[in-house]
Amino acid sequence: MTNIPQPSHNELVAAMPHARSIGVALDHATADEVRGHLDWSPEHTTLGGALHGGALMALADSVGAVCAFLNLPPGAATTTIESKTNFFHGVKKGRVRAISRPVHTGRRFITVQTNLYDEERRVGMTVQTQAVLLKE
């Protein structure tokens, strides 16, 4: 891999306005692992007070997209072409942590798995496939 400077955590989140607007933050970002979090907020809940599945999916998609981006060849871009999330437990307080790791990094596709955790357990898992978009 070439020695290309990587954007800062703030720059990576700033490139995703929706992620920034709901409060997604990055804690660690390398090609091998990206970690981020989202704090529980009443603005992002369902009628029962749990974080909305869309907020959890946005966290997983954002952290997973950064993981895919950091595994791209120079000059390429990426876009999500498939994403599947399993929810295991609701989150009614605290912080959700996301840990994303590449499962496959190929010439045309990158697949990442993102696990979501609250303070006690895994609350969800997302597997997403990103297309590698090469500039012509």
C-alpha atoms as a PDB file:
ATOM      1  CA  MET A   1       0.000   0.000   0.000  1.00  0.00           C
ATOM      2  CA  THR A   2       1.288   3.466  -0.828  1.00  0.00           C
ATOM      3  CA  ASN A   3       1.872   6.116   1.793  1.00  0.00           C
ATOM      4  CA  ILE A   4      -1.188   8.257   0.989  1.00  0.00           C
ATOM      5  CA  PRO A   5      -2.297  10.570   3.814  1.00  0.00           C
ATOM      6  CA  GLN A   6      -5.673   9.525   5.222  1.00  0.00           C
ATOM      7  CA  PRO A   7      -8.363  12.022   6.215  1.00  0.00           C
ATOM      8  CA  SER A   8      -8.842  12.692   9.923  1.00  0.00           C
ATOM      9  CA  HIS A   9     -11.787  11.203  11.830  1.00  0.00           C
ATOM     10  CA  ASN A  10     -13.550  14.582  11.714  1.00  0.00           C
ATOM     11  CA  GLU A  11     -12.997  14.882   7.961  1.00  0.00           C
ATOM     12  CA  LEU A  12     -14.391  11.378   7.379  1.00  0.00           C
ATOM     13  CA  VAL A  13     -17.583  12.128   9.330  1.00  0.00           C
ATOM     14  CA  ALA A  14     -17.880  15.586   7.729  1.00  0.00           C
ATOM     15  CA  ALA A  15     -17.995  13.864   4.330  1.00  0.00           C
ATOM     16  CA  MET A  16     -21.247  12.164   5.493  1.00  0.00           C
ATOM     17  CA  PRO A  17     -23.654  14.986   6.446  1.00  0.00           C
ATOM     18  CA  HIS A  18     -26.419  12.630   7.634  1.00  0.00           C
ATOM     19  CA  ALA A  19     -24.035  10.774   9.942  1.00  0.00           C
ATOM     20  CA  ARG A  20     -22.799  14.069  11.342  1.00  0.00           C
ATOM     21  CA  SER A  21     -26.339  15.377  11.825  1.00  0.00           C
ATOM     22  CA  ILE A  22     -27.414  12.408  13.971  1.00  0.00           C
ATOM     23  CA  GLY A  23     -24.237  12.427  16.057  1.00  0.00           C
ATOM     24  CA  VAL A  24     -22.122   9.585  14.639  1.00  0.00           C
ATOM     25  CA  ALA A  25     -18.523   9.935  15.803  1.00  0.00           C
ATOM     26  CA  LEU A  26     -15.406   7.955  14.883  1.00  0.00           C
ATOM     27  CA  ASP A  27     -13.027   6.730  17.565  1.00  0.00           C
ATOM     28  CA  HIS A  28     -10.534   4.744  15.469  1.00  0.00           C
ATOM     29  CA  ALA A  29     -10.100   4.273  11.732  1.00  0.00           C
ATOM     30  CA  THR A  30      -7.707   1.953   9.914  1.00  0.00           C
ATOM     31  CA  ALA A  31      -8.201  -0.329   6.924  1.00  0.00           C
ATOM     32  CA  ASP A  32      -8.397  -3.308   9.315  1.00  0.00           C
ATOM     33  CA  GLU A  33     -10.885  -1.874  11.797  1.00  0.00           C
ATOM     34  CA  VAL A  34     -13.093   1.187  12.194  1.00  0.00           C
ATOM     35  CA  ARG A  35     -14.769   2.018  15.500  1.00  0.00           C
ATOM     36  CA  GLY A  36     -17.395   4.657  16.090  1.00  0.00           C
ATOM     37  CA  HIS A  37     -20.338   5.438  18.319  1.00  0.00           C
ATOM     38  CA  LEU A  38     -23.745   7.066  18.618  1.00  0.00           C
ATOM     39  CA  ASP A  39     -25.213   8.257  21.899  1.00  0.00           C
ATOM     40  CA  TRP A  40     -28.837   7.550  22.793  1.00  0.00           C
ATOM     41  CA  SER A  41     -30.923  10.653  22.227  1.00  0.00           C
ATOM     42  CA  PRO A  42     -34.705  11.136  22.503  1.00  0.00           C
ATOM     43  CA  GLU A  43     -34.715  12.617  18.978  1.00  0.00           C
ATOM     44  CA  HIS A  44     -33.691   9.211  17.575  1.00  0.00           C
ATOM     45  CA  THR A  45     -36.124   6.904  19.381  1.00  0.00           C
ATOM     46  CA  THR A  46     -39.274   4.927  18.702  1.00  0.00           C
ATOM     47  CA  LEU A  47     -42.541   5.236  20.636  1.00  0.00           C
ATOM     48  CA  GLY A  48     -41.133   2.862  23.275  1.00  0.00           C
ATOM     49  CA  GLY A  49     -38.013   4.940  23.887  1.00  0.00           C
ATOM     50  CA  ALA A  50     -35.526   2.621  22.160  1.00  0.00           C
ATOM     51  CA  LEU A  51     -33.134   3.940  19.528  1.00  0.00           C
ATOM     52  CA  HIS A  52     -34.839   3.737  16.149  1.00  0.00           C
ATOM     53  CA  GLY A  53     -33.573   0.961  13.888  1.00  0.00           C
ATOM     54  CA  GLY A  54     -32.839   3.580  11.239  1.00  0.00           C
ATOM     55  CA  ALA A  55     -30.470   5.377  13.609  1.00  0.00           C
ATOM     56  CA  LEU A  56     -28.679   2.101  14.384  1.00  0.00           C
ATOM     57  CA  MET A  57     -28.503   1.275  10.685  1.00  0.00           C
ATOM     58  CA  ALA A  58     -27.140   4.749   9.907  1.00  0.00           C
ATOM     59  CA  LEU A  59     -24.395   4.213  12.506  1.00  0.00           C
ATOM     60  CA  ALA A  60     -23.501   0.805  11.053  1.00  0.00           C
ATOM     61  CA  ASP A  61     -23.659   2.056   7.449  1.00  0.00           C
ATOM     62  CA  SER A  62     -21.499   5.077   8.205  1.00  0.00           C
ATOM     63  CA  VAL A  63     -18.803   3.183  10.105  1.00  0.00           C
ATOM     64  CA  GLY A  64     -18.894   0.394   7.503  1.00  0.00           C
ATOM     65  CA  ALA A  65     -18.589   2.904   4.661  1.00  0.00           C
ATOM     66  CA  VAL A  66     -15.457   4.362   6.258  1.00  0.00           C
ATOM     67  CA  CYS A  67     -14.019   0.850   6.544  1.00  0.00           C
ATOM     68  CA  ALA A  68     -14.736   0.231   2.856  1.00  0.00           C
ATOM     69  CA  PHE A  69     -13.319   3.646   1.894  1.00  0.00           C
ATOM     70  CA  LEU A  70     -10.054   2.916   3.730  1.00  0.00           C
ATOM     71  CA  ASN A  71      -9.708  -0.312   1.727  1.00  0.00           C
ATOM     72  CA  LEU A  72     -10.167   1.298  -1.701  1.00  0.00           C
ATOM     73  CA  PRO A  73      -7.390   1.477  -4.277  1.00  0.00           C
ATOM     74  CA  PRO A  74      -6.053   5.014  -4.891  1.00  0.00           C
ATOM     75  CA  GLY A  75      -8.472   7.215  -6.828  1.00  0.00           C
ATOM     76  CA  ALA A  76     -11.494   4.909  -6.441  1.00  0.00           C
ATOM     77  CA  ALA A  77     -14.820   5.720  -4.801  1.00  0.00           C
ATOM     78  CA  THR A  78     -17.457   3.482  -3.251  1.00  0.00           C
ATOM     79  CA  THR A  79     -21.199   3.147  -2.804  1.00  0.00           C
ATOM     80  CA  THR A  80     -23.310   0.716  -0.815  1.00  0.00           C
ATOM     81  CA  ILE A  81     -25.073  -1.822  -3.039  1.00  0.00           C
ATOM     82  CA  GLU A  82     -26.426  -4.117  -0.339  1.00  0.00           C
ATOM     83  CA  SER A  83     -26.907  -3.889   3.416  1.00  0.00           C
ATOM     84  CA  LYS A  84     -28.560  -6.308   5.811  1.00  0.00           C
ATOM     85  CA  THR A  85     -29.039  -5.663   9.520  1.00  0.00           C
ATOM     86  CA  ASN A  86     -30.074  -8.005  12.314  1.00  0.00           C
ATOM     87  CA  PHE A  87     -31.323  -6.436  15.559  1.00  0.00           C
ATOM     88  CA  PHE A  88     -30.832  -8.466  18.736  1.00  0.00           C
ATOM     89  CA  HIS A  89     -31.744  -6.033  21.540  1.00  0.00           C
ATOM     90  CA  GLY A  90     -33.240  -2.568  21.919  1.00  0.00           C
ATOM     91  CA  VAL A  91     -31.155   0.321  23.242  1.00  0.00           C
ATOM     92  CA  LYS A  92     -32.928   2.641  25.701  1.00  0.00           C
ATOM     93  CA  LYS A  93     -29.951   4.513  27.151  1.00  0.00           C
ATOM     94  CA  GLY A  94     -26.252   5.157  26.875  1.00  0.00           C
ATOM     95  CA  ARG A  95     -23.968   4.738  23.905  1.00  0.00           C
ATOM     96  CA  VAL A  96     -23.942   2.308  20.995  1.00  0.00           C
ATOM     97  CA  ARG A  97     -20.464   1.354  19.792  1.00  0.00           C
ATOM     98  CA  ALA A  98     -19.859   0.125  16.248  1.00  0.00           C
ATOM     99  CA  ILE A  99     -16.908  -2.029  15.203  1.00  0.00           C
ATOM    100  CA  SER A 100     -16.473  -2.619  11.481  1.00  0.00           C
ATOM    101  CA  ARG A 101     -14.014  -5.000   9.843  1.00  0.00           C
ATOM    102  CA  PRO A 102     -13.525  -6.001   6.199  1.00  0.00           C
ATOM    103  CA  VAL A 103     -14.712  -9.483   5.272  1.00  0.00           C
ATOM    104  CA  HIS A 104     -13.693  -9.280   1.595  1.00  0.00           C
ATOM    105  CA  THR A 105     -11.655  -6.668  -0.262  1.00  0.00           C
ATOM    106  CA  GLY A 106     -11.735  -7.378  -3.967  1.00  0.00           C
ATOM    107  CA  ARG A 107     -11.239  -5.442  -7.181  1.00  0.00           C
ATOM    108  CA  ARG A 108     -14.992  -4.833  -7.680  1.00  0.00           C
ATOM    109  CA  PHE A 109     -16.557  -5.263  -4.250  1.00  0.00           C
ATOM    110  CA  ILE A 110     -15.723  -4.756  -0.600  1.00  0.00           C
ATOM    111  CA  THR A 111     -17.822  -6.460   2.071  1.00  0.00           C
ATOM    112  CA  VAL A 112     -17.676  -5.324   5.689  1.00  0.00           C
ATOM    113  CA  GLN A 113     -19.304  -6.580   8.867  1.00  0.00           C
ATOM    114  CA  THR A 114     -20.243  -4.115  11.578  1.00  0.00           C
ATOM    115  CA  ASN A 115     -21.207  -5.231  15.069  1.00  0.00           C
ATOM    116  CA  LEU A 116     -23.166  -2.883  17.335  1.00  0.00           C
ATOM    117  CA  TYR A 117     -22.813  -3.003  21.136  1.00  0.00           C
ATOM    118  CA  ASP A 118     -24.410  -1.224  24.046  1.00  0.00           C
ATOM    119  CA  GLU A 119     -22.797  -1.221  27.492  1.00  0.00           C
ATOM    120  CA  GLU A 120     -23.793  -4.853  28.097  1.00  0.00           C
ATOM    121  CA  ARG A 121     -24.002  -6.859  24.875  1.00  0.00           C
ATOM    122  CA  ARG A 122     -24.140  -7.015  21.094  1.00  0.00           C
ATOM    123  CA  VAL A 123     -27.372  -5.338  19.976  1.00  0.00           C
ATOM    124  CA  GLY A 124     -27.073  -5.721  16.210  1.00  0.00           C
ATOM    125  CA  MET A 125     -24.997  -6.760  13.232  1.00  0.00           C
ATOM    126  CA  THR A 126     -24.840  -5.341   9.712  1.00  0.00           C
ATOM    127  CA  VAL A 127     -23.193  -6.873   6.672  1.00  0.00           C
ATOM    128  CA  GLN A 128     -22.867  -4.533   3.720  1.00  0.00           C
ATOM    129  CA  THR A 129     -21.347  -4.806   0.287  1.00  0.00           C
ATOM    130  CA  GLN A 130     -19.809  -1.757  -1.333  1.00  0.00           C
ATOM    131  CA  ALA A 131     -19.072  -1.432  -5.050  1.00  0.00           C
ATOM    132  CA  VAL A 132     -15.576  -0.248  -5.954  1.00  0.00           C
ATOM    133  CA  LEU A 133     -16.029   2.631  -8.422  1.00  0.00           C
ATOM    134  CA  LEU A 134     -12.925   3.148 -10.530  1.00  0.00           C
ATOM    135  CA  LYS A 135     -12.415   6.439 -12.351  1.00  0.00           C
ATOM    136  CA  GLU A 136     -12.196   6.070 -16.099  1.00  0.00           C
END
